[in-house]
Amino acid sequence: MASQEQRLKRRMFKEARSRNRIHTFNRNDDAFWESEPGYVRGEKAYKDALEELYGGEGGDAVRSFVEVDGEIGGIDDAFAEATEEEEEGSPAYAAAEKKRDSALAALSFPPDLVEKVTHFRNGIRAPYEEALTDIDNAEEAEQLSYSISGRIGIFLEPVVKPLGFDWRIAMAIIGSFAAKEVFVAQMGIVYSVGEADEESEGLRGILQQHYNPLQAFCMMLWALLSLPCVVTIAVAKREAGGWKYAIAMMVGFTLVAYATTLIVYQVGNVLGIGV
């Protein structure tokens, strides 16, 4: 059975791959993954395959292609790292773009080869890796559906479906009883994107694919009207001197949130607003 460290490394590797940040093996990868047998075997197989290609017919062309790919990959990785915390269109983002474009223009390779490698990276490899990530996410989501929390979410799905929610949102709602801000992190777990918050572009893209604006608004409406968190219940119980008021408050908040969200979703769905 894999150790916790190994599971963490696998998760980090998947997250990095989903961001299109790992394209070639390098020394840093070797040092980080030296304790991961599967990675070491994959690295060896990768290098052996390249050596076989280099020694075959057209080997020089393959070597040049791989070299250009590695150079462009390094430039793209540096750009991604420089703009990770920057807004698109900001001065820092524009400066990073200019630096990236200058580095690409300074490559000492034939322009037609650079163009072909760029097309391969952006037009062939990137969609392929995105498809692999989608498959991985779908597999992990399916496995999650068989967990205890997943089964609870599926059990509650008929109850929340009139609100525009599915079993994944039901799971996130259950988790958010600990604290409202946990809802986004729970959605990140459900969709297997690792650690997520309101700034996570990967999670944003996935949610946009699965839910329409009306459903998104209803999620926010539910979060606004439902019971803040379990700590609120404990405080209410302590202040009221018993569970009667605390339970009544919990039921009241839930009913108000459910009724309001139900009306908004059903009316919006009938009128075609945000669907």
C-alpha atoms as a PDB file:
ATOM      1  CA  MET A   1       0.000   0.000   0.000  1.00  0.00           C
ATOM      2  CA  ALA A   2       1.324   3.458  -0.927  1.00  0.00           C
ATOM      3  CA  SER A   3       2.493   5.683   1.904  1.00  0.00           C
ATOM      4  CA  GLN A   4       0.918   9.068   2.576  1.00  0.00           C
ATOM      5  CA  GLU A   5       3.965  10.769   1.041  1.00  0.00           C
ATOM      6  CA  GLN A   6       3.666   8.719  -2.137  1.00  0.00           C
ATOM      7  CA  ARG A   7      -0.055   9.476  -2.420  1.00  0.00           C
ATOM      8  CA  LEU A   8       0.728  13.171  -1.989  1.00  0.00           C
ATOM      9  CA  LYS A   9       3.344  13.019  -4.722  1.00  0.00           C
ATOM     10  CA  ARG A  10       0.921  11.317  -7.099  1.00  0.00           C
ATOM     11  CA  ARG A  11      -1.703  13.959  -6.388  1.00  0.00           C
ATOM     12  CA  MET A  12       0.806  16.764  -6.978  1.00  0.00           C
ATOM     13  CA  PHE A  13       1.913  15.130 -10.230  1.00  0.00           C
ATOM     14  CA  LYS A  14      -1.703  14.926 -11.438  1.00  0.00           C
ATOM     15  CA  GLU A  15      -2.300  18.533 -10.494  1.00  0.00           C
ATOM     16  CA  ALA A  16       0.844  19.625 -12.307  1.00  0.00           C
ATOM     17  CA  ARG A  17      -0.087  17.619 -15.385  1.00  0.00           C
ATOM     18  CA  SER A  18      -3.607  19.064 -15.372  1.00  0.00           C
ATOM     19  CA  ARG A  19      -2.079  22.538 -15.507  1.00  0.00           C
ATOM     20  CA  ASN A  20       0.074  21.451 -18.457  1.00  0.00           C
ATOM     21  CA  ARG A  21       3.205  22.262 -16.431  1.00  0.00           C
ATOM     22  CA  ILE A  22       5.094  18.963 -16.806  1.00  0.00           C
ATOM     23  CA  HIS A  23       6.216  18.185 -20.346  1.00  0.00           C
ATOM     24  CA  THR A  24       9.694  16.686 -20.070  1.00  0.00           C
ATOM     25  CA  PHE A  25      11.758  14.977 -17.415  1.00  0.00           C
ATOM     26  CA  ASN A  26      14.509  17.063 -15.832  1.00  0.00           C
ATOM     27  CA  ARG A  27      16.910  16.868 -12.928  1.00  0.00           C
ATOM     28  CA  ASN A  28      14.525  18.516 -10.493  1.00  0.00           C
ATOM     29  CA  ASP A  29      11.906  15.910 -11.340  1.00  0.00           C
ATOM     30  CA  ASP A  30      14.476  13.143 -10.832  1.00  0.00           C
ATOM     31  CA  ALA A  31      15.374  14.441  -7.369  1.00  0.00           C
ATOM     32  CA  PHE A  32      11.759  14.880  -6.344  1.00  0.00           C
ATOM     33  CA  TRP A  33      10.522  11.572  -7.671  1.00  0.00           C
ATOM     34  CA  GLU A  34      13.534   9.366  -6.911  1.00  0.00           C
ATOM     35  CA  SER A  35      11.497   7.508  -4.249  1.00  0.00           C
ATOM     36  CA  GLU A  36       8.616   6.829  -6.635  1.00  0.00           C
ATOM     37  CA  PRO A  37       9.317   3.499  -8.432  1.00  0.00           C
ATOM     38  CA  GLY A  38       6.639   4.071 -11.056  1.00  0.00           C
ATOM     39  CA  TYR A  39       8.126   7.412 -12.030  1.00  0.00           C
ATOM     40  CA  VAL A  40      11.653   6.011 -12.260  1.00  0.00           C
ATOM     41  CA  ARG A  41      10.442   3.192 -14.522  1.00  0.00           C
ATOM     42  CA  GLY A  42       8.537   5.675 -16.652  1.00  0.00           C
ATOM     43  CA  GLU A  43      11.587   7.919 -16.915  1.00  0.00           C
ATOM     44  CA  LYS A  44      13.781   5.024 -18.032  1.00  0.00           C
ATOM     45  CA  ALA A  45      11.228   3.878 -20.588  1.00  0.00           C
ATOM     46  CA  TYR A  46      10.976   7.449 -21.873  1.00  0.00           C
ATOM     47  CA  LYS A  47      14.737   7.812 -22.294  1.00  0.00           C
ATOM     48  CA  ASP A  48      15.084   4.361 -23.876  1.00  0.00           C
ATOM     49  CA  ALA A  49      12.347   5.167 -26.374  1.00  0.00           C
ATOM     50  CA  LEU A  50      14.050   8.446 -27.287  1.00  0.00           C
ATOM     51  CA  GLU A  51      17.424   6.751 -27.779  1.00  0.00           C
ATOM     52  CA  GLU A  52      15.782   4.171 -30.029  1.00  0.00           C
ATOM     53  CA  LEU A  53      14.178   6.937 -32.081  1.00  0.00           C
ATOM     54  CA  TYR A  54      17.430   8.891 -32.275  1.00  0.00           C
ATOM     55  CA  GLY A  55      19.242   5.840 -33.635  1.00  0.00           C
ATOM     56  CA  GLY A  56      16.625   5.041 -36.266  1.00  0.00           C
ATOM     57  CA  GLU A  57      15.755   6.570 -39.611  1.00  0.00           C
ATOM     58  CA  GLY A  58      15.153  10.295 -39.264  1.00  0.00           C
ATOM     59  CA  GLY A  59      16.760  10.265 -35.829  1.00  0.00           C
ATOM     60  CA  ASP A  60      18.352  13.692 -36.281  1.00  0.00           C
ATOM     61  CA  ALA A  61      14.974  15.233 -37.077  1.00  0.00           C
ATOM     62  CA  VAL A  62      13.466  13.605 -33.991  1.00  0.00           C
ATOM     63  CA  ARG A  63      16.315  14.875 -31.822  1.00  0.00           C
ATOM     64  CA  SER A  64      15.864  18.414 -33.142  1.00  0.00           C
ATOM     65  CA  PHE A  65      12.121  18.215 -32.554  1.00  0.00           C
ATOM     66  CA  VAL A  66      12.600  17.054 -28.955  1.00  0.00           C
ATOM     67  CA  GLU A  67      15.202  19.737 -28.295  1.00  0.00           C
ATOM     68  CA  VAL A  68      12.902  22.489 -29.588  1.00  0.00           C
ATOM     69  CA  ASP A  69      10.036  21.049 -27.573  1.00  0.00           C
ATOM     70  CA  GLY A  70      12.168  21.131 -24.430  1.00  0.00           C
ATOM     71  CA  GLU A  71      13.256  24.727 -25.044  1.00  0.00           C
ATOM     72  CA  ILE A  72       9.712  25.940 -25.676  1.00  0.00           C
ATOM     73  CA  GLY A  73       8.496  23.939 -22.679  1.00  0.00           C
ATOM     74  CA  GLY A  74      11.010  25.688 -20.439  1.00  0.00           C
ATOM     75  CA  ILE A  75       9.918  29.100 -21.747  1.00  0.00           C
ATOM     76  CA  ASP A  76       6.240  28.252 -21.262  1.00  0.00           C
ATOM     77  CA  ASP A  77       6.876  26.969 -17.735  1.00  0.00           C
ATOM     78  CA  ALA A  78       8.737  30.164 -16.829  1.00  0.00           C
ATOM     79  CA  PHE A  79       5.859  32.234 -18.224  1.00  0.00           C
ATOM     80  CA  ALA A  80       3.272  30.183 -16.326  1.00  0.00           C
ATOM     81  CA  GLU A  81       5.223  30.570 -13.084  1.00  0.00           C
ATOM     82  CA  ALA A  82       5.656  34.318 -13.598  1.00  0.00           C
ATOM     83  CA  THR A  83       1.944  34.895 -14.290  1.00  0.00           C
ATOM     84  CA  GLU A  84       0.484  32.444 -11.781  1.00  0.00           C
ATOM     85  CA  GLU A  85      -0.550  35.237  -9.408  1.00  0.00           C
ATOM     86  CA  GLU A  86      -1.106  37.913 -12.060  1.00  0.00           C
ATOM     87  CA  GLU A  87      -4.293  39.060 -13.751  1.00  0.00           C
ATOM     88  CA  GLU A  88      -4.347  38.807 -17.531  1.00  0.00           C
ATOM     89  CA  GLY A  89      -3.878  42.306 -18.942  1.00  0.00           C
ATOM     90  CA  SER A  90      -1.984  43.615 -15.925  1.00  0.00           C
ATOM     91  CA  PRO A  91       1.439  45.295 -16.432  1.00  0.00           C
ATOM     92  CA  ALA A  92       3.245  42.350 -14.846  1.00  0.00           C
ATOM     93  CA  TYR A  93       1.387  39.902 -17.110  1.00  0.00           C
ATOM     94  CA  ALA A  94       2.191  41.995 -20.186  1.00  0.00           C
ATOM     95  CA  ALA A  95       5.873  42.148 -19.185  1.00  0.00           C
ATOM     96  CA  ALA A  96       5.965  38.366 -18.790  1.00  0.00           C
ATOM     97  CA  GLU A  97       4.327  37.953 -22.213  1.00  0.00           C
ATOM     98  CA  LYS A  98       6.915  40.234 -23.783  1.00  0.00           C
ATOM     99  CA  LYS A  99       9.738  38.306 -22.120  1.00  0.00           C
ATOM    100  CA  ARG A 100       8.244  34.997 -23.325  1.00  0.00           C
ATOM    101  CA  ASP A 101       7.865  36.257 -26.895  1.00  0.00           C
ATOM    102  CA  SER A 102      11.440  37.562 -26.896  1.00  0.00           C
ATOM    103  CA  ALA A 103      12.738  34.207 -25.655  1.00  0.00           C
ATOM    104  CA  LEU A 104      10.793  32.361 -28.358  1.00  0.00           C
ATOM    105  CA  ALA A 105      12.091  34.719 -31.057  1.00  0.00           C
ATOM    106  CA  ALA A 106      15.674  34.187 -29.849  1.00  0.00           C
ATOM    107  CA  LEU A 107      15.564  30.391 -30.289  1.00  0.00           C
ATOM    108  CA  SER A 108      18.413  29.235 -32.528  1.00  0.00           C
ATOM    109  CA  PHE A 109      16.314  26.786 -34.536  1.00  0.00           C
ATOM    110  CA  PRO A 110      14.777  26.986 -38.006  1.00  0.00           C
ATOM    111  CA  PRO A 111      11.522  29.026 -37.850  1.00  0.00           C
ATOM    112  CA  ASP A 112       9.529  26.329 -39.648  1.00  0.00           C
ATOM    113  CA  LEU A 113      10.622  23.734 -37.067  1.00  0.00           C
ATOM    114  CA  VAL A 114       9.640  26.044 -34.196  1.00  0.00           C
ATOM    115  CA  GLU A 115       6.261  26.599 -35.862  1.00  0.00           C
ATOM    116  CA  LYS A 116       5.660  22.857 -36.231  1.00  0.00           C
ATOM    117  CA  VAL A 117       6.633  22.151 -32.618  1.00  0.00           C
ATOM    118  CA  THR A 118       4.390  24.977 -31.407  1.00  0.00           C
ATOM    119  CA  HIS A 119       1.491  23.526 -33.400  1.00  0.00           C
ATOM    120  CA  PHE A 120       2.192  20.096 -31.909  1.00  0.00           C
ATOM    121  CA  ARG A 121       2.272  21.465 -28.372  1.00  0.00           C
ATOM    122  CA  ASN A 122      -0.817  23.656 -28.629  1.00  0.00           C
ATOM    123  CA  GLY A 123      -2.916  21.885 -31.240  1.00  0.00           C
ATOM    124  CA  ILE A 124      -2.192  18.206 -30.528  1.00  0.00           C
ATOM    125  CA  ARG A 125      -0.556  17.603 -27.162  1.00  0.00           C
ATOM    126  CA  ALA A 126      -2.540  20.112 -25.078  1.00  0.00           C
ATOM    127  CA  PRO A 127      -5.996  18.787 -26.124  1.00  0.00           C
ATOM    128  CA  TYR A 128      -4.728  15.224 -25.625  1.00  0.00           C
ATOM    129  CA  GLU A 129      -3.513  15.973 -22.087  1.00  0.00           C
ATOM    130  CA  GLU A 130      -6.751  17.799 -21.312  1.00  0.00           C
ATOM    131  CA  ALA A 131      -8.660  14.711 -22.453  1.00  0.00           C
ATOM    132  CA  LEU A 132      -6.495  12.516 -20.208  1.00  0.00           C
ATOM    133  CA  THR A 133      -7.160  14.850 -17.289  1.00  0.00           C
ATOM    134  CA  ASP A 134     -10.899  14.661 -17.961  1.00  0.00           C
ATOM    135  CA  ILE A 135     -10.688  10.858 -17.956  1.00  0.00           C
ATOM    136  CA  ASP A 136      -8.737  10.882 -14.685  1.00  0.00           C
ATOM    137  CA  ASN A 137     -11.268  13.238 -13.112  1.00  0.00           C
ATOM    138  CA  ALA A 138     -14.171  11.102 -14.312  1.00  0.00           C
ATOM    139  CA  GLU A 139     -12.570   7.946 -12.899  1.00  0.00           C
ATOM    140  CA  GLU A 140     -11.900   9.580  -9.529  1.00  0.00           C
ATOM    141  CA  ALA A 141     -15.422  11.020  -9.450  1.00  0.00           C
ATOM    142  CA  GLU A 142     -16.819   7.558 -10.106  1.00  0.00           C
ATOM    143  CA  GLN A 143     -14.716   6.115  -7.295  1.00  0.00           C
ATOM    144  CA  LEU A 144     -15.876   8.939  -5.042  1.00  0.00           C
ATOM    145  CA  SER A 145     -19.502   8.091  -5.790  1.00  0.00           C
ATOM    146  CA  TYR A 146     -18.955   4.724  -4.092  1.00  0.00           C
ATOM    147  CA  SER A 147     -17.532   6.275  -0.912  1.00  0.00           C
ATOM    148  CA  ILE A 148     -19.707   6.860   2.152  1.00  0.00           C
ATOM    149  CA  SER A 149     -19.998  10.582   1.466  1.00  0.00           C
ATOM    150  CA  GLY A 150     -20.684   9.869  -2.195  1.00  0.00           C
ATOM    151  CA  ARG A 151     -23.490   7.459  -1.350  1.00  0.00           C
ATOM    152  CA  ILE A 152     -24.988  10.047   1.011  1.00  0.00           C
ATOM    153  CA  GLY A 153     -24.835  12.628  -1.778  1.00  0.00           C
ATOM    154  CA  ILE A 154     -26.508  10.255  -4.240  1.00  0.00           C
ATOM    155  CA  PHE A 155     -29.164   9.456  -1.626  1.00  0.00           C
ATOM    156  CA  LEU A 156     -29.891  13.184  -1.200  1.00  0.00           C
ATOM    157  CA  GLU A 157     -29.829  13.975  -4.929  1.00  0.00           C
ATOM    158  CA  PRO A 158     -33.631  13.588  -5.428  1.00  0.00           C
ATOM    159  CA  VAL A 159     -34.129  16.118  -2.611  1.00  0.00           C
ATOM    160  CA  VAL A 160     -31.778  18.773  -4.026  1.00  0.00           C
ATOM    161  CA  LYS A 161     -32.409  18.143  -7.721  1.00  0.00           C
ATOM    162  CA  PRO A 162     -35.393  20.573  -7.819  1.00  0.00           C
ATOM    163  CA  LEU A 163     -32.909  23.261  -6.721  1.00  0.00           C
ATOM    164  CA  GLY A 164     -30.713  22.556  -9.752  1.00  0.00           C
ATOM    165  CA  PHE A 165     -28.191  20.619  -7.659  1.00  0.00           C
ATOM    166  CA  ASP A 166     -26.711  17.166  -8.185  1.00  0.00           C
ATOM    167  CA  TRP A 167     -25.149  14.651  -5.811  1.00  0.00           C
ATOM    168  CA  ARG A 168     -21.778  16.403  -6.003  1.00  0.00           C
ATOM    169  CA  ILE A 169     -23.240  19.668  -4.765  1.00  0.00           C
ATOM    170  CA  ALA A 170     -25.136  17.720  -2.087  1.00  0.00           C
ATOM    171  CA  MET A 171     -21.787  16.340  -0.888  1.00  0.00           C
ATOM    172  CA  ALA A 172     -20.268  19.824  -0.822  1.00  0.00           C
ATOM    173  CA  ILE A 173     -23.263  21.169   1.124  1.00  0.00           C
ATOM    174  CA  ILE A 174     -22.835  18.468   3.758  1.00  0.00           C
ATOM    175  CA  GLY A 175     -19.136  19.299   4.059  1.00  0.00           C
ATOM    176  CA  SER A 176     -19.864  23.023   4.272  1.00  0.00           C
ATOM    177  CA  PHE A 177     -21.771  22.526   7.519  1.00  0.00           C
ATOM    178  CA  ALA A 178     -18.350  22.658   9.161  1.00  0.00           C
ATOM    179  CA  ALA A 179     -17.825  26.142   7.652  1.00  0.00           C
ATOM    180  CA  LYS A 180     -19.297  27.895   4.617  1.00  0.00           C
ATOM    181  CA  GLU A 181     -15.896  28.580   3.090  1.00  0.00           C
ATOM    182  CA  VAL A 182     -15.271  24.820   2.915  1.00  0.00           C
ATOM    183  CA  PHE A 183     -17.861  24.519   0.116  1.00  0.00           C
ATOM    184  CA  VAL A 184     -15.402  25.510  -2.633  1.00  0.00           C
ATOM    185  CA  ALA A 185     -12.726  23.179  -1.269  1.00  0.00           C
ATOM    186  CA  GLN A 186     -15.286  20.358  -1.192  1.00  0.00           C
ATOM    187  CA  MET A 187     -16.134  20.970  -4.850  1.00  0.00           C
ATOM    188  CA  GLY A 188     -12.424  20.772  -5.598  1.00  0.00           C
ATOM    189  CA  ILE A 189     -12.286  17.371  -3.887  1.00  0.00           C
ATOM    190  CA  VAL A 190     -15.404  16.170  -5.700  1.00  0.00           C
ATOM    191  CA  TYR A 191     -13.937  17.094  -9.093  1.00  0.00           C
ATOM    192  CA  SER A 192     -10.448  15.852  -8.194  1.00  0.00           C
ATOM    193  CA  VAL A 193      -8.571  19.099  -8.769  1.00  0.00           C
ATOM    194  CA  GLY A 194      -6.680  18.915  -5.474  1.00  0.00           C
ATOM    195  CA  GLU A 195      -6.590  21.938  -3.195  1.00  0.00           C
ATOM    196  CA  ALA A 196      -8.985  24.577  -4.505  1.00  0.00           C
ATOM    197  CA  ASP A 197     -10.260  28.001  -3.547  1.00  0.00           C
ATOM    198  CA  GLU A 198     -12.196  30.806  -5.214  1.00  0.00           C
ATOM    199  CA  GLU A 199      -9.122  31.685  -7.325  1.00  0.00           C
ATOM    200  CA  SER A 200      -8.609  28.184  -8.758  1.00  0.00           C
ATOM    201  CA  GLU A 201      -8.859  28.501 -12.539  1.00  0.00           C
ATOM    202  CA  GLY A 202      -9.011  24.733 -13.014  1.00  0.00           C
ATOM    203  CA  LEU A 203     -12.037  24.370 -10.760  1.00  0.00           C
ATOM    204  CA  ARG A 204     -13.710  27.385 -12.357  1.00  0.00           C
ATOM    205  CA  GLY A 205     -13.401  25.809 -15.791  1.00  0.00           C
ATOM    206  CA  ILE A 206     -14.820  22.486 -14.611  1.00  0.00           C
ATOM    207  CA  LEU A 207     -17.772  24.121 -12.849  1.00  0.00           C
ATOM    208  CA  GLN A 208     -18.540  26.187 -15.947  1.00  0.00           C
ATOM    209  CA  GLN A 209     -18.672  22.969 -17.970  1.00  0.00           C
ATOM    210  CA  HIS A 210     -21.053  21.217 -15.573  1.00  0.00           C
ATOM    211  CA  TYR A 211     -23.316  24.005 -14.327  1.00  0.00           C
ATOM    212  CA  ASN A 212     -25.092  26.935 -15.949  1.00  0.00           C
ATOM    213  CA  PRO A 213     -25.231  30.487 -14.512  1.00  0.00           C
ATOM    214  CA  LEU A 214     -28.652  29.875 -12.944  1.00  0.00           C
ATOM    215  CA  GLN A 215     -27.335  26.875 -11.016  1.00  0.00           C
ATOM    216  CA  ALA A 216     -24.292  28.872  -9.941  1.00  0.00           C
ATOM    217  CA  PHE A 217     -26.533  31.670  -8.664  1.00  0.00           C
ATOM    218  CA  CYS A 218     -28.637  29.135  -6.763  1.00  0.00           C
ATOM    219  CA  MET A 219     -25.500  27.740  -5.118  1.00  0.00           C
ATOM    220  CA  MET A 220     -24.606  31.218  -3.891  1.00  0.00           C
ATOM    221  CA  LEU A 221     -28.200  31.832  -2.800  1.00  0.00           C
ATOM    222  CA  TRP A 222     -28.210  28.614  -0.768  1.00  0.00           C
ATOM    223  CA  ALA A 223     -24.882  29.516   0.814  1.00  0.00           C
ATOM    224  CA  LEU A 224     -26.266  32.941   1.730  1.00  0.00           C
ATOM    225  CA  LEU A 225     -29.525  31.755   3.303  1.00  0.00           C
ATOM    226  CA  SER A 226     -28.678  28.401   4.841  1.00  0.00           C
ATOM    227  CA  LEU A 227     -27.313  27.864   8.350  1.00  0.00           C
ATOM    228  CA  PRO A 228     -23.865  29.485   8.661  1.00  0.00           C
ATOM    229  CA  CYS A 229     -22.048  26.535  10.252  1.00  0.00           C
ATOM    230  CA  VAL A 230     -22.205  23.926  12.981  1.00  0.00           C
ATOM    231  CA  VAL A 231     -20.514  26.309  15.419  1.00  0.00           C
ATOM    232  CA  THR A 232     -23.581  28.551  15.164  1.00  0.00           C
ATOM    233  CA  ILE A 233     -25.748  25.702  16.395  1.00  0.00           C
ATOM    234  CA  ALA A 234     -23.441  25.113  19.344  1.00  0.00           C
ATOM    235  CA  VAL A 235     -23.483  28.808  20.259  1.00  0.00           C
ATOM    236  CA  ALA A 236     -27.293  28.948  19.939  1.00  0.00           C
ATOM    237  CA  LYS A 237     -27.617  25.896  22.169  1.00  0.00           C
ATOM    238  CA  ARG A 238     -25.361  27.451  24.794  1.00  0.00           C
ATOM    239  CA  GLU A 239     -27.105  30.840  24.735  1.00  0.00           C
ATOM    240  CA  ALA A 240     -30.622  29.371  24.733  1.00  0.00           C
ATOM    241  CA  GLY A 241     -29.781  26.822  27.396  1.00  0.00           C
ATOM    242  CA  GLY A 242     -30.945  23.818  25.406  1.00  0.00           C
ATOM    243  CA  TRP A 243     -31.193  22.125  22.022  1.00  0.00           C
ATOM    244  CA  LYS A 244     -34.793  23.123  21.298  1.00  0.00           C
ATOM    245  CA  TYR A 245     -34.002  26.607  19.990  1.00  0.00           C
ATOM    246  CA  ALA A 246     -30.826  25.466  18.226  1.00  0.00           C
ATOM    247  CA  ILE A 247     -32.642  22.711  16.312  1.00  0.00           C
ATOM    248  CA  ALA A 248     -35.534  25.054  15.483  1.00  0.00           C
ATOM    249  CA  MET A 249     -33.048  27.593  14.104  1.00  0.00           C
ATOM    250  CA  MET A 250     -31.301  24.934  12.013  1.00  0.00           C
ATOM    251  CA  VAL A 251     -34.600  23.688  10.559  1.00  0.00           C
ATOM    252  CA  GLY A 252     -35.814  27.238   9.939  1.00  0.00           C
ATOM    253  CA  PHE A 253     -32.686  28.344   8.107  1.00  0.00           C
ATOM    254  CA  THR A 254     -32.722  25.177   6.006  1.00  0.00           C
ATOM    255  CA  LEU A 255     -36.398  25.521   5.063  1.00  0.00           C
ATOM    256  CA  VAL A 256     -35.994  29.191   4.115  1.00  0.00           C
ATOM    257  CA  ALA A 257     -32.921  28.413   2.014  1.00  0.00           C
ATOM    258  CA  TYR A 258     -34.606  25.447   0.344  1.00  0.00           C
ATOM    259  CA  ALA A 259     -37.868  27.274  -0.437  1.00  0.00           C
ATOM    260  CA  THR A 260     -36.155  30.396  -1.769  1.00  0.00           C
ATOM    261  CA  THR A 261     -33.654  28.484  -3.886  1.00  0.00           C
ATOM    262  CA  LEU A 262     -36.436  26.238  -5.213  1.00  0.00           C
ATOM    263  CA  ILE A 263     -38.549  29.197  -6.310  1.00  0.00           C
ATOM    264  CA  VAL A 264     -35.621  31.026  -7.911  1.00  0.00           C
ATOM    265  CA  TYR A 265     -34.402  27.957  -9.822  1.00  0.00           C
ATOM    266  CA  GLN A 266     -37.813  26.824 -11.034  1.00  0.00           C
ATOM    267  CA  VAL A 267     -38.892  30.330 -12.111  1.00  0.00           C
ATOM    268  CA  GLY A 268     -35.544  30.993 -13.766  1.00  0.00           C
ATOM    269  CA  ASN A 269     -35.706  27.632 -15.522  1.00  0.00           C
ATOM    270  CA  VAL A 270     -39.216  28.332 -16.857  1.00  0.00           C
ATOM    271  CA  LEU A 271     -38.264  31.816 -18.042  1.00  0.00           C
ATOM    272  CA  GLY A 272     -34.977  30.589 -19.515  1.00  0.00           C
ATOM    273  CA  ILE A 273     -32.834  32.902 -17.389  1.00  0.00           C
ATOM    274  CA  GLY A 274     -29.212  31.750 -17.135  1.00  0.00           C
ATOM    275  CA  VAL A 275     -29.853  28.294 -18.582  1.00  0.00           C
END
